[in-house]
Every structure is written in C-alpha cells, then in structure tokens.
PDB file of N, CA and C in Angstrom:
ATOM      1  N   MET A   1       2.706 -48.156 -68.189  1.00  0.00           N
ATOM      2  CA  MET A   1       2.968 -46.833 -69.004  1.00  0.00           C
ATOM      3  C   MET A   1       4.054 -45.944 -68.299  1.00  0.00           C
ATOM      4  N   PHE A   2       3.457 -45.874 -67.040  1.00  0.00           N
ATOM      5  CA  PHE A   2       3.695 -45.107 -66.106  1.00  0.00           C
ATOM      6  C   PHE A   2       4.478 -45.680 -64.782  1.00  0.00           C
ATOM      7  N   ARG A   3       4.973 -46.985 -65.403  1.00  0.00           N
ATOM      8  CA  ARG A   3       5.371 -48.053 -64.045  1.00  0.00           C
ATOM      9  C   ARG A   3       6.105 -47.543 -63.000  1.00  0.00           C
ATOM     10  N   ASP A   4       7.668 -46.799 -63.959  1.00  0.00           N
ATOM     11  CA  ASP A   4       8.994 -46.304 -63.158  1.00  0.00           C
ATOM     12  C   ASP A   4       8.978 -44.370 -63.114  1.00  0.00           C
ATOM     13  N   LEU A   5       7.438 -44.104 -62.303  1.00  0.00           N
ATOM     14  CA  LEU A   5       7.409 -42.680 -62.021  1.00  0.00           C
ATOM     15  C   LEU A   5       8.793 -42.356 -61.141  1.00  0.00           C
ATOM     16  N   VAL A   6       8.949 -41.378 -61.276  1.00  0.00           N
ATOM     17  CA  VAL A   6       9.392 -40.742 -59.567  1.00  0.00           C
ATOM     18  C   VAL A   6       9.104 -39.357 -59.650  1.00  0.00           C
ATOM     19  N   PHE A   7       8.205 -39.339 -58.704  1.00  0.00           N
ATOM     20  CA  PHE A   7       7.463 -38.179 -58.042  1.00  0.00           C
ATOM     21  C   PHE A   7       8.553 -37.217 -57.392  1.00  0.00           C
ATOM     22  N   ARG A   8       8.262 -35.809 -57.423  1.00  0.00           N
ATOM     23  CA  ARG A   8       9.019 -35.234 -56.298  1.00  0.00           C
ATOM     24  C   ARG A   8       8.737 -33.953 -55.650  1.00  0.00           C
ATOM     25  N   LYS A   9       8.717 -33.412 -54.233  1.00  0.00           N
ATOM     26  CA  LYS A   9       8.254 -32.596 -53.679  1.00  0.00           C
ATOM     27  C   LYS A   9       9.044 -31.382 -54.667  1.00  0.00           C
ATOM     28  N   SER A  10       8.117 -30.045 -54.279  1.00  0.00           N
ATOM     29  CA  SER A  10       8.466 -28.430 -54.462  1.00  0.00           C
ATOM     30  C   SER A  10      10.058 -28.661 -53.249  1.00  0.00           C
ATOM     31  N   SER A  11      10.940 -27.573 -53.094  1.00  0.00           N
ATOM     32  CA  SER A  11      11.585 -27.502 -52.251  1.00  0.00           C
ATOM     33  C   SER A  11      11.345 -26.004 -51.187  1.00  0.00           C
ATOM     34  N   TYR A  12       9.858 -25.595 -52.172  1.00  0.00           N
ATOM     35  CA  TYR A  12       9.379 -24.950 -51.325  1.00  0.00           C
ATOM     36  C   TYR A  12       7.703 -25.226 -50.198  1.00  0.00           C
ATOM     37  N   SER A  13       8.186 -26.529 -50.350  1.00  0.00           N
ATOM     38  CA  SER A  13       6.754 -27.077 -49.537  1.00  0.00           C
ATOM     39  C   SER A  13       8.048 -27.537 -48.202  1.00  0.00           C
ATOM     40  N   GLY A  14       8.904 -27.332 -47.736  1.00  0.00           N
ATOM     41  CA  GLY A  14       9.577 -27.870 -46.506  1.00  0.00           C
ATOM     42  C   GLY A  14       8.927 -28.773 -46.145  1.00  0.00           C
ATOM     43  N   ALA A  15       8.552 -28.850 -44.534  1.00  0.00           N
ATOM     44  CA  ALA A  15       7.893 -30.122 -44.108  1.00  0.00           C
ATOM     45  C   ALA A  15       6.612 -30.716 -44.476  1.00  0.00           C
ATOM     46  N   SER A  16       6.011 -29.246 -44.751  1.00  0.00           N
ATOM     47  CA  SER A  16       4.656 -29.373 -45.126  1.00  0.00           C
ATOM     48  C   SER A  16       4.201 -31.049 -46.238  1.00  0.00           C
ATOM     49  N   ASP A  17       2.857 -31.376 -45.198  1.00  0.00           N
ATOM     50  CA  ASP A  17       2.324 -32.765 -46.312  1.00  0.00           C
ATOM     51  C   ASP A  17       1.551 -31.915 -47.162  1.00  0.00           C
ATOM     52  N   ASN A  18       0.616 -30.825 -47.511  1.00  0.00           N
ATOM     53  CA  ASN A  18       0.071 -29.740 -48.463  1.00  0.00           C
ATOM     54  C   ASN A  18       0.533 -29.714 -49.281  1.00  0.00           C
ATOM     55  N   CYS A  19       0.781 -30.824 -50.036  1.00  0.00           N
ATOM     56  CA  CYS A  19       1.721 -29.983 -51.645  1.00  0.00           C
ATOM     57  C   CYS A  19       1.208 -31.124 -52.749  1.00  0.00           C
ATOM     58  N   VAL A  20       1.920 -30.561 -53.732  1.00  0.00           N
ATOM     59  CA  VAL A  20       1.616 -31.406 -55.117  1.00  0.00           C
ATOM     60  C   VAL A  20       3.053 -31.890 -55.298  1.00  0.00           C
ATOM     61  N   GLU A  21       3.266 -33.177 -56.034  1.00  0.00           N
ATOM     62  CA  GLU A  21       4.411 -33.601 -56.019  1.00  0.00           C
ATOM     63  C   GLU A  21       3.972 -33.825 -57.639  1.00  0.00           C
ATOM     64  N   VAL A  22       5.364 -33.675 -58.311  1.00  0.00           N
ATOM     65  CA  VAL A  22       5.344 -32.882 -60.057  1.00  0.00           C
ATOM     66  C   VAL A  22       6.557 -34.933 -60.425  1.00  0.00           C
ATOM     67  N   ALA A  23       6.018 -35.103 -61.601  1.00  0.00           N
ATOM     68  CA  ALA A  23       7.042 -35.882 -62.273  1.00  0.00           C
ATOM     69  C   ALA A  23       7.172 -36.070 -63.820  1.00  0.00           C
ATOM     70  N   ASP A  24       8.176 -35.738 -64.131  1.00  0.00           N
ATOM     71  CA  ASP A  24       8.987 -35.394 -65.532  1.00  0.00           C
ATOM     72  C   ASP A  24       8.400 -36.887 -66.688  1.00  0.00           C
ATOM     73  N   VAL A  25       7.961 -36.552 -67.624  1.00  0.00           N
ATOM     74  CA  VAL A  25       7.495 -37.777 -68.389  1.00  0.00           C
ATOM     75  C   VAL A  25       8.226 -37.231 -69.842  1.00  0.00           C
ATOM     76  N   GLU A  26       8.415 -38.176 -70.948  1.00  0.00           N
ATOM     77  CA  GLU A  26       8.273 -37.841 -72.046  1.00  0.00           C
ATOM     78  C   GLU A  26       7.471 -37.012 -73.004  1.00  0.00           C
ATOM     79  N   SER A  27       5.754 -37.319 -72.525  1.00  0.00           N
ATOM     80  CA  SER A  27       4.901 -36.237 -72.915  1.00  0.00           C
ATOM     81  C   SER A  27       4.692 -35.390 -72.452  1.00  0.00           C
ATOM     82  N   GLY A  28       5.662 -35.116 -71.154  1.00  0.00           N
ATOM     83  CA  GLY A  28       5.377 -33.828 -70.183  1.00  0.00           C
ATOM     84  C   GLY A  28       5.418 -33.760 -68.886  1.00  0.00           C
ATOM     85  N   THR A  29       4.846 -33.364 -68.121  1.00  0.00           N
ATOM     86  CA  THR A  29       4.693 -32.970 -67.109  1.00  0.00           C
ATOM     87  C   THR A  29       3.502 -33.698 -65.815  1.00  0.00           C
ATOM     88  N   LEU A  30       3.440 -34.691 -65.307  1.00  0.00           N
ATOM     89  CA  LEU A  30       2.328 -35.399 -64.695  1.00  0.00           C
ATOM     90  C   LEU A  30       2.333 -34.487 -62.908  1.00  0.00           C
ATOM     91  N   VAL A  31       1.402 -34.560 -62.556  1.00  0.00           N
ATOM     92  CA  VAL A  31       1.226 -33.643 -61.374  1.00  0.00           C
ATOM     93  C   VAL A  31      -0.052 -34.336 -60.279  1.00  0.00           C
ATOM     94  N   ARG A  32       0.277 -34.844 -58.856  1.00  0.00           N
ATOM     95  CA  ARG A  32      -0.432 -35.603 -58.348  1.00  0.00           C
ATOM     96  C   ARG A  32      -0.451 -34.972 -56.258  1.00  0.00           C
ATOM     97  N   ASP A  33      -1.650 -34.995 -55.757  1.00  0.00           N
ATOM     98  CA  ASP A  33      -1.814 -34.864 -54.497  1.00  0.00           C
ATOM     99  C   ASP A  33      -0.649 -35.979 -53.329  1.00  0.00           C
ATOM    100  N   SER A  34      -0.355 -34.944 -53.049  1.00  0.00           N
ATOM    101  CA  SER A  34       0.911 -35.717 -51.930  1.00  0.00           C
ATOM    102  C   SER A  34       0.266 -36.302 -51.078  1.00  0.00           C
ATOM    103  N   LYS A  35      -0.447 -36.153 -50.426  1.00  0.00           N
ATOM    104  CA  LYS A  35      -1.640 -36.839 -49.647  1.00  0.00           C
ATOM    105  C   LYS A  35      -2.611 -37.814 -49.986  1.00  0.00           C
ATOM    106  N   GLN A  36      -2.603 -38.014 -51.193  1.00  0.00           N
ATOM    107  CA  GLN A  36      -3.517 -39.263 -52.157  1.00  0.00           C
ATOM    108  C   GLN A  36      -2.828 -39.381 -53.351  1.00  0.00           C
ATOM    109  N   PRO A  37      -1.760 -40.179 -53.191  1.00  0.00           N
ATOM    110  CA  PRO A  37      -1.258 -40.421 -54.561  1.00  0.00           C
ATOM    111  C   PRO A  37      -1.944 -41.473 -55.230  1.00  0.00           C
ATOM    112  N   GLU A  38      -2.824 -42.270 -54.681  1.00  0.00           N
ATOM    113  CA  GLU A  38      -3.325 -43.496 -55.281  1.00  0.00           C
ATOM    114  C   GLU A  38      -4.257 -42.625 -55.957  1.00  0.00           C
ATOM    115  N   LEU A  39      -4.964 -41.433 -56.161  1.00  0.00           N
ATOM    116  CA  LEU A  39      -6.331 -40.860 -56.434  1.00  0.00           C
ATOM    117  C   LEU A  39      -5.693 -40.774 -57.801  1.00  0.00           C
ATOM    118  N   GLY A  40      -4.554 -41.162 -58.922  1.00  0.00           N
ATOM    119  CA  GLY A  40      -4.093 -40.437 -59.979  1.00  0.00           C
ATOM    120  C   GLY A  40      -3.306 -39.184 -59.953  1.00  0.00           C
ATOM    121  N   HIS A  41      -3.090 -38.689 -61.476  1.00  0.00           N
ATOM    122  CA  HIS A  41      -2.202 -37.230 -61.538  1.00  0.00           C
ATOM    123  C   HIS A  41      -3.043 -36.801 -62.385  1.00  0.00           C
ATOM    124  N   LEU A  42      -2.922 -35.794 -62.671  1.00  0.00           N
ATOM    125  CA  LEU A  42      -2.914 -34.944 -63.842  1.00  0.00           C
ATOM    126  C   LEU A  42      -1.939 -34.536 -65.206  1.00  0.00           C
ATOM    127  N   SER A  43      -2.342 -34.739 -65.762  1.00  0.00           N
ATOM    128  CA  SER A  43      -1.142 -34.707 -67.404  1.00  0.00           C
ATOM    129  C   SER A  43      -1.003 -33.396 -67.658  1.00  0.00           C
ATOM    130  N   PHE A  44       0.132 -33.097 -68.287  1.00  0.00           N
ATOM    131  CA  PHE A  44       0.247 -31.418 -68.488  1.00  0.00           C
ATOM    132  C   PHE A  44       1.218 -31.648 -69.868  1.00  0.00           C
ATOM    133  N   THR A  45       0.582 -30.847 -70.924  1.00  0.00           N
ATOM    134  CA  THR A  45       1.936 -31.283 -72.101  1.00  0.00           C
ATOM    135  C   THR A  45       2.942 -29.493 -71.937  1.00  0.00           C
ATOM    136  N   PRO A  46       4.466 -29.934 -72.732  1.00  0.00           N
ATOM    137  CA  PRO A  46       5.278 -28.751 -72.105  1.00  0.00           C
ATOM    138  C   PRO A  46       4.441 -27.505 -72.532  1.00  0.00           C
ATOM    139  N   ALA A  47       3.481 -27.603 -73.567  1.00  0.00           N
ATOM    140  CA  ALA A  47       2.835 -26.140 -74.031  1.00  0.00           C
ATOM    141  C   ALA A  47       1.687 -25.915 -72.894  1.00  0.00           C
ATOM    142  N   GLU A  48       1.629 -26.675 -72.339  1.00  0.00           N
ATOM    143  CA  GLU A  48       0.143 -26.417 -70.564  1.00  0.00           C
ATOM    144  C   GLU A  48       1.334 -26.442 -69.782  1.00  0.00           C
ATOM    145  N   TRP A  49       2.223 -26.560 -69.332  1.00  0.00           N
ATOM    146  CA  TRP A  49       3.055 -26.468 -68.307  1.00  0.00           C
ATOM    147  C   TRP A  49       3.307 -25.337 -67.655  1.00  0.00           C
ATOM    148  N   GLN A  50       3.964 -24.781 -69.020  1.00  0.00           N
ATOM    149  CA  GLN A  50       4.645 -23.512 -68.760  1.00  0.00           C
ATOM    150  C   GLN A  50       4.120 -22.305 -68.759  1.00  0.00           C
ATOM    151  N   PRO A  51       2.811 -22.215 -69.182  1.00  0.00           N
ATOM    152  CA  PRO A  51       2.032 -21.617 -69.264  1.00  0.00           C
ATOM    153  C   PRO A  51       1.005 -21.424 -67.328  1.00  0.00           C
ATOM    154  N   PHE A  52       1.303 -22.487 -66.799  1.00  0.00           N
ATOM    155  CA  PHE A  52       0.911 -22.947 -65.633  1.00  0.00           C
ATOM    156  C   PHE A  52       1.603 -22.173 -64.860  1.00  0.00           C
ATOM    157  N   VAL A  53       3.133 -22.695 -64.758  1.00  0.00           N
ATOM    158  CA  VAL A  53       3.947 -22.502 -63.687  1.00  0.00           C
ATOM    159  C   VAL A  53       4.197 -21.291 -63.792  1.00  0.00           C
ATOM    160  N   SER A  54       4.176 -20.515 -65.306  1.00  0.00           N
ATOM    161  CA  SER A  54       4.236 -18.876 -65.339  1.00  0.00           C
ATOM    162  C   SER A  54       3.046 -18.009 -64.219  1.00  0.00           C
ATOM    163  N   SER A  55       2.126 -18.634 -64.412  1.00  0.00           N
ATOM    164  CA  SER A  55       1.185 -17.855 -64.110  1.00  0.00           C
ATOM    165  C   SER A  55       0.962 -18.223 -62.314  1.00  0.00           C
ATOM    166  N   LEU A  56       1.658 -19.237 -62.062  1.00  0.00           N
ATOM    167  CA  LEU A  56       1.970 -19.266 -60.496  1.00  0.00           C
ATOM    168  C   LEU A  56       2.739 -18.033 -59.958  1.00  0.00           C
ATOM    169  N   ARG A  57       4.037 -17.856 -60.811  1.00  0.00           N
ATOM    170  CA  ARG A  57       5.000 -16.519 -60.511  1.00  0.00           C
ATOM    171  C   ARG A  57       4.085 -15.804 -60.267  1.00  0.00           C
ATOM    172  N   ALA A  58       3.748 -15.981 -61.013  1.00  0.00           N
ATOM    173  CA  ALA A  58       2.984 -14.434 -60.772  1.00  0.00           C
ATOM    174  C   ALA A  58       1.900 -13.523 -59.645  1.00  0.00           C
ATOM    175  N   PHE A  59       1.873 -14.899 -58.694  1.00  0.00           N
ATOM    176  CA  PHE A  59       1.267 -14.749 -57.675  1.00  0.00           C
ATOM    177  C   PHE A  59       2.010 -14.813 -56.736  1.00  0.00           C
ATOM    178  N   ASP A  60       3.316 -15.367 -56.928  1.00  0.00           N
ATOM    179  CA  ASP A  60       4.001 -15.726 -55.614  1.00  0.00           C
ATOM    180  C   ASP A  60       5.822 -14.944 -56.001  1.00  0.00           C
ATOM    181  N   THR A  61       6.286 -14.279 -55.329  1.00  0.00           N
ATOM    182  CA  THR A  61       7.857 -13.801 -55.846  1.00  0.00           C
ATOM    183  C   THR A  61       9.139 -14.613 -55.335  1.00  0.00           C
ATOM    184  N   THR A  62       8.223 -15.623 -54.549  1.00  0.00           N
ATOM    185  CA  THR A  62       9.412 -16.793 -53.974  1.00  0.00           C
ATOM    186  C   THR A  62       9.623 -17.875 -54.263  1.00  0.00           C
ATOM    187  N   VAL A  63       8.339 -18.193 -55.842  1.00  0.00           N
ATOM    188  CA  VAL A  63       8.396 -19.584 -56.540  1.00  0.00           C
ATOM    189  C   VAL A  63       9.647 -19.233 -57.868  1.00  0.00           C
TER     190      VAL A  63
END
C-alpha cells in the first residue's frame, strides 16, 4: 500500500537528526520519526493535517 513512499524532512530541521519526516499520500499526510522510521508512521487526513500545522505555526513564528 505505501511501498513507494518518499518521506522528506523540513528545511527547518537543518543538520539535526531530531525531527520528523512527512510523506504526501492520496489519503493525506504520513508522519514518522526520522531516527526510528522502522517503527511506522502516523496518518493524518487533510482535515486533520491543516489544523495540526496551523497550531504549530501559532507556537513558532519561523514556520
């Protein structure tokens, strides 16, 4: 189902290994830990992802 995923790190992560990676899929967005990608991912629908990202922006004006 998710064999050909392309996960990417945020450009805000820089050289840090402490970040999450995201992948866009037809059903929404997948998120995983960059240090332990073998543990799987969380799945967000578009209706869930947008408020999540907006809430992060409320805490960090650099996003």
